[in-house]
PDB file of N, CA and C in Angstrom:
ATOM      1  N   MET A   1       0.800  -1.181   0.000  1.00  0.00           N
ATOM      2  CA  MET A   1       0.000   0.000   0.000  1.00  0.00           C
ATOM      3  C   MET A   1       0.853   1.259   0.000  1.00  0.00           C
ATOM      4  N   LEU A   2       1.918   1.231   0.729  1.00  0.00           N
ATOM      5  CA  LEU A   2       2.772   2.392   0.844  1.00  0.00           C
ATOM      6  C   LEU A   2       3.414   2.726  -0.509  1.00  0.00           C
ATOM      7  N   THR A   3       3.817   1.711  -1.224  1.00  0.00           N
ATOM      8  CA  THR A   3       4.428   1.970  -2.528  1.00  0.00           C
ATOM      9  C   THR A   3       3.402   2.498  -3.517  1.00  0.00           C
ATOM     10  N   LEU A   4       2.155   2.060  -3.430  1.00  0.00           N
ATOM     11  CA  LEU A   4       1.115   2.561  -4.315  1.00  0.00           C
ATOM     12  C   LEU A   4       0.852   4.043  -4.042  1.00  0.00           C
ATOM     13  N   ALA A   5       0.841   4.440  -2.777  1.00  0.00           N
ATOM     14  CA  ALA A   5       0.644   5.846  -2.420  1.00  0.00           C
ATOM     15  C   ALA A   5       1.828   6.691  -2.901  1.00  0.00           C
ATOM     16  N   ALA A   6       3.014   6.162  -2.767  1.00  0.00           N
ATOM     17  CA  ALA A   6       4.207   6.885  -3.225  1.00  0.00           C
ATOM     18  C   ALA A   6       4.181   7.017  -4.743  1.00  0.00           C
ATOM     19  N   GLN A   7       3.731   5.986  -5.422  1.00  0.00           N
ATOM     20  CA  GLN A   7       3.679   6.015  -6.885  1.00  0.00           C
ATOM     21  C   GLN A   7       2.623   7.026  -7.343  1.00  0.00           C
ATOM     22  N   ASN A   8       1.496   7.099  -6.693  1.00  0.00           N
ATOM     23  CA  ASN A   8       0.451   8.056  -7.058  1.00  0.00           C
ATOM     24  C   ASN A   8       0.918   9.493  -6.864  1.00  0.00           C
ATOM     25  N   SER A   9       1.668   9.774  -5.823  1.00  0.00           N
ATOM     26  CA  SER A   9       2.147  11.138  -5.598  1.00  0.00           C
ATOM     27  C   SER A   9       3.167  11.540  -6.655  1.00  0.00           C
ATOM     28  N   SER A  10       3.978  10.597  -7.126  1.00  0.00           N
ATOM     29  CA  SER A  10       4.931  10.937  -8.177  1.00  0.00           C
ATOM     30  C   SER A  10       4.211  11.106  -9.510  1.00  0.00           C
ATOM     31  N   ASN A  11       3.156  10.359  -9.734  1.00  0.00           N
ATOM     32  CA  ASN A  11       2.374  10.531 -10.963  1.00  0.00           C
ATOM     33  C   ASN A  11       1.598  11.841 -10.940  1.00  0.00           C
ATOM     34  N   THR A  12       1.183  12.269  -9.785  1.00  0.00           N
ATOM     35  CA  THR A  12       0.449  13.530  -9.671  1.00  0.00           C
ATOM     36  C   THR A  12       1.327  14.687 -10.129  1.00  0.00           C
ATOM     37  N   GLY A  13       2.548  14.709  -9.709  1.00  0.00           N
ATOM     38  CA  GLY A  13       3.481  15.739 -10.152  1.00  0.00           C
ATOM     39  C   GLY A  13       3.707  15.682 -11.647  1.00  0.00           C
ATOM     40  N   TYR A  14       3.766  14.490 -12.181  1.00  0.00           N
ATOM     41  CA  TYR A  14       3.952  14.301 -13.619  1.00  0.00           C
ATOM     42  C   TYR A  14       2.767  14.891 -14.379  1.00  0.00           C
ATOM     43  N   PHE A  15       1.553  14.574 -13.923  1.00  0.00           N
ATOM     44  CA  PHE A  15       0.367  15.062 -14.614  1.00  0.00           C
ATOM     45  C   PHE A  15       0.202  16.575 -14.470  1.00  0.00           C
ATOM     46  N   ILE A  16       0.573  17.104 -13.327  1.00  0.00           N
ATOM     47  CA  ILE A  16       0.526  18.560 -13.148  1.00  0.00           C
ATOM     48  C   ILE A  16       1.517  19.236 -14.100  1.00  0.00           C
ATOM     49  N   GLY A  17       2.698  18.677 -14.199  1.00  0.00           N
ATOM     50  CA  GLY A  17       3.697  19.218 -15.126  1.00  0.00           C
ATOM     51  C   GLY A  17       3.236  19.108 -16.564  1.00  0.00           C
ATOM     52  N   LEU A  18       2.626  17.977 -16.908  1.00  0.00           N
ATOM     53  CA  LEU A  18       2.108  17.773 -18.266  1.00  0.00           C
ATOM     54  C   LEU A  18       0.991  18.769 -18.564  1.00  0.00           C
ATOM     55  N   LEU A  19       0.106  18.979 -17.598  1.00  0.00           N
ATOM     56  CA  LEU A  19      -0.985  19.931 -17.768  1.00  0.00           C
ATOM     57  C   LEU A  19      -0.450  21.349 -17.918  1.00  0.00           C
ATOM     58  N   LEU A  20       0.517  21.730 -17.110  1.00  0.00           N
ATOM     59  CA  LEU A  20       1.102  23.071 -17.225  1.00  0.00           C
ATOM     60  C   LEU A  20       1.795  23.252 -18.570  1.00  0.00           C
ATOM     61  N   GLY A  21       2.473  22.222 -19.034  1.00  0.00           N
ATOM     62  CA  GLY A  21       3.113  22.288 -20.350  1.00  0.00           C
ATOM     63  C   GLY A  21       2.088  22.452 -21.458  1.00  0.00           C
ATOM     64  N   PHE A  22       0.982  21.713 -21.361  1.00  0.00           N
ATOM     65  CA  PHE A  22      -0.081  21.811 -22.355  1.00  0.00           C
ATOM     66  C   PHE A  22      -0.687  23.210 -22.351  1.00  0.00           C
ATOM     67  N   VAL A  23      -0.943  23.757 -21.168  1.00  0.00           N
ATOM     68  CA  VAL A  23      -1.502  25.107 -21.049  1.00  0.00           C
ATOM     69  C   VAL A  23      -0.530  26.126 -21.648  1.00  0.00           C
ATOM     70  N   ALA A  24       0.748  25.969 -21.404  1.00  0.00           N
ATOM     71  CA  ALA A  24       1.747  26.896 -21.952  1.00  0.00           C
ATOM     72  C   ALA A  24       1.758  26.831 -23.476  1.00  0.00           C
ATOM     73  N   VAL A  25       1.688  25.638 -24.029  1.00  0.00           N
ATOM     74  CA  VAL A  25       1.691  25.487 -25.491  1.00  0.00           C
ATOM     75  C   VAL A  25       0.437  26.121 -26.085  1.00  0.00           C
ATOM     76  N   VAL A  26      -0.711  25.890 -25.466  1.00  0.00           N
ATOM     77  CA  VAL A  26      -1.955  26.482 -25.960  1.00  0.00           C
ATOM     78  C   VAL A  26      -1.876  28.006 -25.890  1.00  0.00           C
ATOM     79  N   ALA A  27      -1.314  28.537 -24.805  1.00  0.00           N
ATOM     80  CA  ALA A  27      -1.187  29.993 -24.672  1.00  0.00           C
ATOM     81  C   ALA A  27      -0.288  30.560 -25.774  1.00  0.00           C
ATOM     82  N   VAL A  28       0.797  29.897 -26.064  1.00  0.00           N
ATOM     83  CA  VAL A  28       1.706  30.358 -27.123  1.00  0.00           C
ATOM     84  C   VAL A  28       1.011  30.308 -28.478  1.00  0.00           C
ATOM     85  N   VAL A  29       0.266  29.249 -28.739  1.00  0.00           N
ATOM     86  CA  VAL A  29      -0.446  29.127 -30.016  1.00  0.00           C
ATOM     87  C   VAL A  29      -1.475  30.244 -30.155  1.00  0.00           C
ATOM     88  N   VAL A  30      -2.193  30.550 -29.086  1.00  0.00           N
ATOM     89  CA  VAL A  30      -3.185  31.632 -29.134  1.00  0.00           C
ATOM     90  C   VAL A  30      -2.494  32.972 -29.374  1.00  0.00           C
ATOM     91  N   LEU A  31      -1.401  33.228 -28.687  1.00  0.00           N
ATOM     92  CA  LEU A  31      -0.679  34.490 -28.881  1.00  0.00           C
ATOM     93  C   LEU A  31      -0.139  34.623 -30.296  1.00  0.00           C
ATOM     94  N   VAL A  32       0.396  33.544 -30.833  1.00  0.00           N
ATOM     95  CA  VAL A  32       0.910  33.587 -32.209  1.00  0.00           C
ATOM     96  C   VAL A  32      -0.231  33.833 -33.187  1.00  0.00           C
ATOM     97  N   ALA A  33      -1.386  33.219 -32.959  1.00  0.00           N
ATOM     98  CA  ALA A  33      -2.536  33.437 -33.836  1.00  0.00           C
ATOM     99  C   ALA A  33      -2.984  34.893 -33.801  1.00  0.00           C
ATOM    100  N   VAL A  34      -3.000  35.485 -32.609  1.00  0.00           N
ATOM    101  CA  VAL A  34      -3.385  36.897 -32.479  1.00  0.00           C
ATOM    102  C   VAL A  34      -2.375  37.787 -33.193  1.00  0.00           C
ATOM    103  N   ILE A  35      -1.108  37.513 -33.014  1.00  0.00           N
ATOM    104  CA  ILE A  35      -0.061  38.309 -33.666  1.00  0.00           C
ATOM    105  C   ILE A  35      -0.162  38.198 -35.183  1.00  0.00           C
ATOM    106  N   LEU A  36      -0.402  37.001 -35.694  1.00  0.00           N
ATOM    107  CA  LEU A  36      -0.531  36.822 -37.146  1.00  0.00           C
ATOM    108  C   LEU A  36      -1.768  37.532 -37.687  1.00  0.00           C
ATOM    109  N   THR A  37      -2.850  37.539 -36.910  1.00  0.00           N
ATOM    110  CA  THR A  37      -4.054  38.257 -37.330  1.00  0.00           C
ATOM    111  C   THR A  37      -3.777  39.748 -37.420  1.00  0.00           C
ATOM    112  N   PHE A  38      -3.106  40.301 -36.399  1.00  0.00           N
ATOM    113  CA  PHE A  38      -2.765  41.728 -36.439  1.00  0.00           C
ATOM    114  C   PHE A  38      -1.806  42.035 -37.586  1.00  0.00           C
ATOM    115  N   ALA A  39      -0.858  41.161 -37.829  1.00  0.00           N
ATOM    116  CA  ALA A  39       0.094  41.377 -38.927  1.00  0.00           C
ATOM    117  C   ALA A  39      -0.634  41.383 -40.267  1.00  0.00           C
ATOM    118  N   SER A  40      -1.609  40.528 -40.422  1.00  0.00           N
ATOM    119  CA  SER A  40      -2.390  40.490 -41.664  1.00  0.00           C
ATOM    120  C   SER A  40      -3.176  41.785 -41.845  1.00  0.00           C
ATOM    121  N   ARG A  41      -3.774  42.272 -40.775  1.00  0.00           N
ATOM    122  CA  ARG A  41      -4.521  43.535 -40.852  1.00  0.00           C
ATOM    123  C   ARG A  41      -3.592  44.689 -41.192  1.00  0.00           C
ATOM    124  N   ILE A  42      -2.424  44.714 -40.589  1.00  0.00           N
ATOM    125  CA  ILE A  42      -1.454  45.775 -40.866  1.00  0.00           C
ATOM    126  C   ILE A  42      -1.005  45.711 -42.321  1.00  0.00           C
ATOM    127  N   ALA A  43      -0.786  44.509 -42.833  1.00  0.00           N
ATOM    128  CA  ALA A  43      -0.379  44.360 -44.233  1.00  0.00           C
ATOM    129  C   ALA A  43      -1.471  44.863 -45.168  1.00  0.00           C
ATOM    130  N   ASP A  44      -2.729  44.577 -44.851  1.00  0.00           N
ATOM    131  CA  ASP A  44      -3.835  45.067 -45.677  1.00  0.00           C
ATOM    132  C   ASP A  44      -3.893  46.593 -45.665  1.00  0.00           C
ATOM    133  N   GLN A  45      -3.726  47.181 -44.495  1.00  0.00           N
ATOM    134  CA  GLN A  45      -3.751  48.637 -44.390  1.00  0.00           C
ATOM    135  C   GLN A  45      -2.554  49.268 -45.097  1.00  0.00           C
ATOM    136  N   ALA A  46      -1.414  48.621 -45.035  1.00  0.00           N
ATOM    137  CA  ALA A  46      -0.224  49.138 -45.726  1.00  0.00           C
ATOM    138  C   ALA A  46      -0.423  49.090 -47.236  1.00  0.00           C
ATOM    139  N   GLN A  47      -1.052  48.026 -47.715  1.00  0.00           N
ATOM    140  CA  GLN A  47      -1.328  47.913 -49.152  1.00  0.00           C
ATOM    141  C   GLN A  47      -2.280  49.019 -49.591  1.00  0.00           C
ATOM    142  N   LEU A  48      -3.319  49.271 -48.806  1.00  0.00           N
ATOM    143  CA  LEU A  48      -4.265  50.337 -49.120  1.00  0.00           C
ATOM    144  C   LEU A  48      -3.573  51.699 -49.108  1.00  0.00           C
ATOM    145  N   ALA A  49      -2.703  51.924 -48.137  1.00  0.00           N
ATOM    146  CA  ALA A  49      -1.964  53.190 -48.069  1.00  0.00           C
ATOM    147  C   ALA A  49      -1.049  53.359 -49.279  1.00  0.00           C
ATOM    148  N   ALA A  50      -0.403  52.283 -49.693  1.00  0.00           N
ATOM    149  CA  ALA A  50       0.486  52.354 -50.859  1.00  0.00           C
ATOM    150  C   ALA A  50      -0.304  52.674 -52.123  1.00  0.00           C
ATOM    151  N   GLU A  51      -1.473  52.071 -52.274  1.00  0.00           N
ATOM    152  CA  GLU A  51      -2.301  52.352 -53.450  1.00  0.00           C
ATOM    153  C   GLU A  51      -2.794  53.795 -53.427  1.00  0.00           C
ATOM    154  N   THR A  52      -3.171  54.273 -52.259  1.00  0.00           N
ATOM    155  CA  THR A  52      -3.629  55.655 -52.136  1.00  0.00           C
ATOM    156  C   THR A  52      -2.505  56.630 -52.465  1.00  0.00           C
ATOM    157  N   LEU A  53      -1.313  56.356 -51.962  1.00  0.00           N
ATOM    158  CA  LEU A  53      -0.176  57.228 -52.253  1.00  0.00           C
ATOM    159  C   LEU A  53       0.173  57.217 -53.737  1.00  0.00           C
ATOM    160  N   GLU A  54      -0.005  56.086 -54.387  1.00  0.00           N
ATOM    161  CA  GLU A  54       0.243  56.007 -55.831  1.00  0.00           C
ATOM    162  C   GLU A  54      -0.712  56.947 -56.571  1.00  0.00           C
ATOM    163  N   GLY A  55      -1.982  56.943 -56.157  1.00  0.00           N
ATOM    164  CA  GLY A  55      -2.961  57.847 -56.772  1.00  0.00           C
ATOM    165  C   GLY A  55      -2.627  59.304 -56.510  1.00  0.00           C
ATOM    166  N   ILE A  56      -2.179  59.604 -55.318  1.00  0.00           N
ATOM    167  CA  ILE A  56      -1.795  60.986 -54.983  1.00  0.00           C
ATOM    168  C   ILE A  56      -0.594  61.416 -55.815  1.00  0.00           C
ATOM    169  N   ARG A  57       0.357  60.508 -55.981  1.00  0.00           N
ATOM    170  CA  ARG A  57       1.541  60.848 -56.776  1.00  0.00           C
ATOM    171  C   ARG A  57       1.150  61.133 -58.221  1.00  0.00           C
ATOM    172  N   ASP A  58       0.235  60.329 -58.773  1.00  0.00           N
ATOM    173  CA  ASP A  58      -0.219  60.567 -60.140  1.00  0.00           C
ATOM    174  C   ASP A  58      -0.913  61.923 -60.263  1.00  0.00           C
ATOM    175  N   SER A  59      -1.645  62.304 -59.206  1.00  0.00           N
ATOM    176  CA  SER A  59      -2.370  63.575 -59.236  1.00  0.00           C
ATOM    177  C   SER A  59      -1.438  64.772 -59.104  1.00  0.00           C
ATOM    178  N   THR A  60      -0.317  64.605 -58.463  1.00  0.00           N
ATOM    179  CA  THR A  60       0.575  65.745 -58.209  1.00  0.00           C
ATOM    180  C   THR A  60       1.799  65.763 -59.110  1.00  0.00           C
ATOM    181  N   ASP A  61       1.872  64.884 -60.092  1.00  0.00           N
ATOM    182  CA  ASP A  61       3.024  64.880 -61.000  1.00  0.00           C
ATOM    183  C   ASP A  61       3.146  66.195 -61.772  1.00  0.00           C
ATOM    184  N   ALA A  62       2.039  66.850 -62.055  1.00  0.00           N
ATOM    185  CA  ALA A  62       2.069  68.066 -62.867  1.00  0.00           C
ATOM    186  C   ALA A  62       2.433  69.313 -62.064  1.00  0.00           C
ATOM    187  N   LEU A  63       2.549  69.233 -60.769  1.00  0.00           N
ATOM    188  CA  LEU A  63       2.832  70.423 -59.964  1.00  0.00           C
ATOM    189  C   LEU A  63       4.121  71.152 -60.343  1.00  0.00           C
ATOM    190  N   PRO A  64       5.208  70.475 -60.697  1.00  0.00           N
ATOM    191  CA  PRO A  64       6.406  71.233 -61.103  1.00  0.00           C
ATOM    192  C   PRO A  64       6.176  72.090 -62.348  1.00  0.00           C
ATOM    193  N   GLU A  65       5.177  71.749 -63.141  1.00  0.00           N
ATOM    194  CA  GLU A  65       4.890  72.529 -64.348  1.00  0.00           C
ATOM    195  C   GLU A  65       4.184  73.842 -64.032  1.00  0.00           C
ATOM    196  N   VAL A  66       3.721  74.029 -62.804  1.00  0.00           N
ATOM    197  CA  VAL A  66       3.028  75.259 -62.423  1.00  0.00           C
ATOM    198  C   VAL A  66       3.968  76.455 -62.546  1.00  0.00           C
ATOM    199  N   ASN A  67       5.213  76.302 -62.181  1.00  0.00           N
ATOM    200  CA  ASN A  67       6.171  77.414 -62.310  1.00  0.00           C
ATOM    201  C   ASN A  67       6.351  77.832 -63.759  1.00  0.00           C
ATOM    202  N   THR A  68       6.448  76.858 -64.652  1.00  0.00           N
ATOM    203  CA  THR A  68       6.584  77.163 -66.081  1.00  0.00           C
ATOM    204  C   THR A  68       5.336  77.875 -66.585  1.00  0.00           C
ATOM    205  N   LEU A  69       4.182  77.383 -66.149  1.00  0.00           N
ATOM    206  CA  LEU A  69       2.916  78.008 -66.547  1.00  0.00           C
ATOM    207  C   LEU A  69       2.854  79.451 -66.047  1.00  0.00           C
ATOM    208  N   ASN A  70       3.280  79.682 -64.814  1.00  0.00           N
ATOM    209  CA  ASN A  70       3.290  81.052 -64.271  1.00  0.00           C
ATOM    210  C   ASN A  70       4.243  81.951 -65.059  1.00  0.00           C
ATOM    211  N   ASP A  71       5.414  81.439 -65.417  1.00  0.00           N
ATOM    212  CA  ASP A  71       6.370  82.230 -66.204  1.00  0.00           C
ATOM    213  C   ASP A  71       5.771  82.626 -67.549  1.00  0.00           C
ATOM    214  N   HIS A  72       5.096  81.685 -68.201  1.00  0.00           N
ATOM    215  CA  HIS A  72       4.491  81.994 -69.513  1.00  0.00           C
ATOM    216  C   HIS A  72       3.351  82.995 -69.356  1.00  0.00           C
ATOM    217  N   ALA A  73       2.559  82.839 -68.289  1.00  0.00           N
ATOM    218  CA  ALA A  73       1.452  83.771 -68.064  1.00  0.00           C
ATOM    219  C   ALA A  73       1.979  85.182 -67.807  1.00  0.00           C
ATOM    220  N   ILE A  74       3.061  85.300 -67.052  1.00  0.00           N
ATOM    221  CA  ILE A  74       3.665  86.615 -66.789  1.00  0.00           C
ATOM    222  C   ILE A  74       4.190  87.229 -68.084  1.00  0.00           C
ATOM    223  N   ALA A  75       4.812  86.399 -68.924  1.00  0.00           N
ATOM    224  CA  ALA A  75       5.334  86.907 -70.199  1.00  0.00           C
ATOM    225  C   ALA A  75       4.190  87.390 -71.092  1.00  0.00           C
ATOM    226  N   ILE A  76       3.091  86.656 -71.119  1.00  0.00           N
ATOM    227  CA  ILE A  76       1.935  87.072 -71.926  1.00  0.00           C
ATOM    228  C   ILE A  76       1.352  88.361 -71.373  1.00  0.00           C
ATOM    229  N   LEU A  77       1.242  88.470 -70.056  1.00  0.00           N
ATOM    230  CA  LEU A  77       0.696  89.680 -69.431  1.00  0.00           C
ATOM    231  C   LEU A  77       1.575  90.886 -69.726  1.00  0.00           C
ATOM    232  N   GLU A  78       2.879  90.725 -69.634  1.00  0.00           N
ATOM    233  CA  GLU A  78       3.792  91.834 -69.941  1.00  0.00           C
ATOM    234  C   GLU A  78       3.692  92.231 -71.404  1.00  0.00           C
ATOM    235  N   GLY A  79       3.559  91.226 -72.270  1.00  0.00           N
ATOM    236  CA  GLY A  79       3.380  91.529 -73.702  1.00  0.00           C
ATOM    237  C   GLY A  79       2.081  92.274 -73.948  1.00  0.00           C
ATOM    238  N   ALA A  80       1.031  91.879 -73.227  1.00  0.00           N
ATOM    239  CA  ALA A  80      -0.256  92.563 -73.397  1.00  0.00           C
ATOM    240  C   ALA A  80      -0.165  93.994 -72.883  1.00  0.00           C
ATOM    241  N   LYS A  81       0.553  94.209 -71.786  1.00  0.00           N
ATOM    242  CA  LYS A  81       0.722  95.560 -71.262  1.00  0.00           C
ATOM    243  C   LYS A  81       1.495  96.417 -72.262  1.00  0.00           C
ATOM    244  N   THR A  82       2.521  95.835 -72.866  1.00  0.00           N
ATOM    245  CA  THR A  82       3.307  96.566 -73.855  1.00  0.00           C
ATOM    246  C   THR A  82       2.442  96.925 -75.052  1.00  0.00           C
ATOM    247  N   ALA A  83       1.644  95.967 -75.528  1.00  0.00           N
ATOM    248  CA  ALA A  83       0.767  96.224 -76.688  1.00  0.00           C
ATOM    249  C   ALA A  83      -0.283  97.270 -76.358  1.00  0.00           C
ATOM    250  N   ARG A  84      -0.814  97.196 -75.174  1.00  0.00           N
ATOM    251  CA  ARG A  84      -1.823  98.174 -74.753  1.00  0.00           C
ATOM    252  C   ARG A  84      -1.206  99.580 -74.688  1.00  0.00           C
ATOM    253  N   GLY A  85       0.015  99.640 -74.168  1.00  0.00           N
ATOM    254  CA  GLY A  85       0.700 100.936 -74.107  1.00  0.00           C
ATOM    255  C   GLY A  85       0.980 101.492 -75.498  1.00  0.00           C
ATOM    256  N   ALA A  86       1.318 100.625 -76.431  1.00  0.00           N
ATOM    257  CA  ALA A  86       1.611 101.055 -77.788  1.00  0.00           C
ATOM    258  C   ALA A  86       0.319 101.525 -78.482  1.00  0.00           C
ATOM    259  N   LEU A  87      -0.782 100.856 -78.184  1.00  0.00           N
ATOM    260  CA  LEU A  87      -2.044 101.231 -78.828  1.00  0.00           C
ATOM    261  C   LEU A  87      -2.640 102.512 -78.242  1.00  0.00           C
ATOM    262  N   THR A  88      -2.450 102.713 -76.958  1.00  0.00           N
ATOM    263  CA  THR A  88      -3.032 103.913 -76.336  1.00  0.00           C
ATOM    264  C   THR A  88      -2.101 105.114 -76.454  1.00  0.00           C
ATOM    265  N   GLY A  89      -0.893 104.849 -76.783  1.00  0.00           N
ATOM    266  CA  GLY A  89       0.060 105.892 -77.106  1.00  0.00           C
ATOM    267  C   GLY A  89       0.618 106.606 -75.988  1.00  0.00           C
TER     268      GLY A  89
END
């Protein structure tokens, strides 16, 4: 009887250790699943941001031409002022 009681107490520790190990593995699996879910959401948002920025870049490609347009408009205005002065005498 004494050996059976001693054997049960050693098995109890074994099962407690096994249960704790199982709980730890399940916790790690759940944490990894949560992290992968967040990473997937972040990747989707990054893709959307990249597509949006591509559209913005296409819309603003012509902005450097504004200076050239302003220079030509000023030249036309000065020419018109000169012509007006010549016509009005």
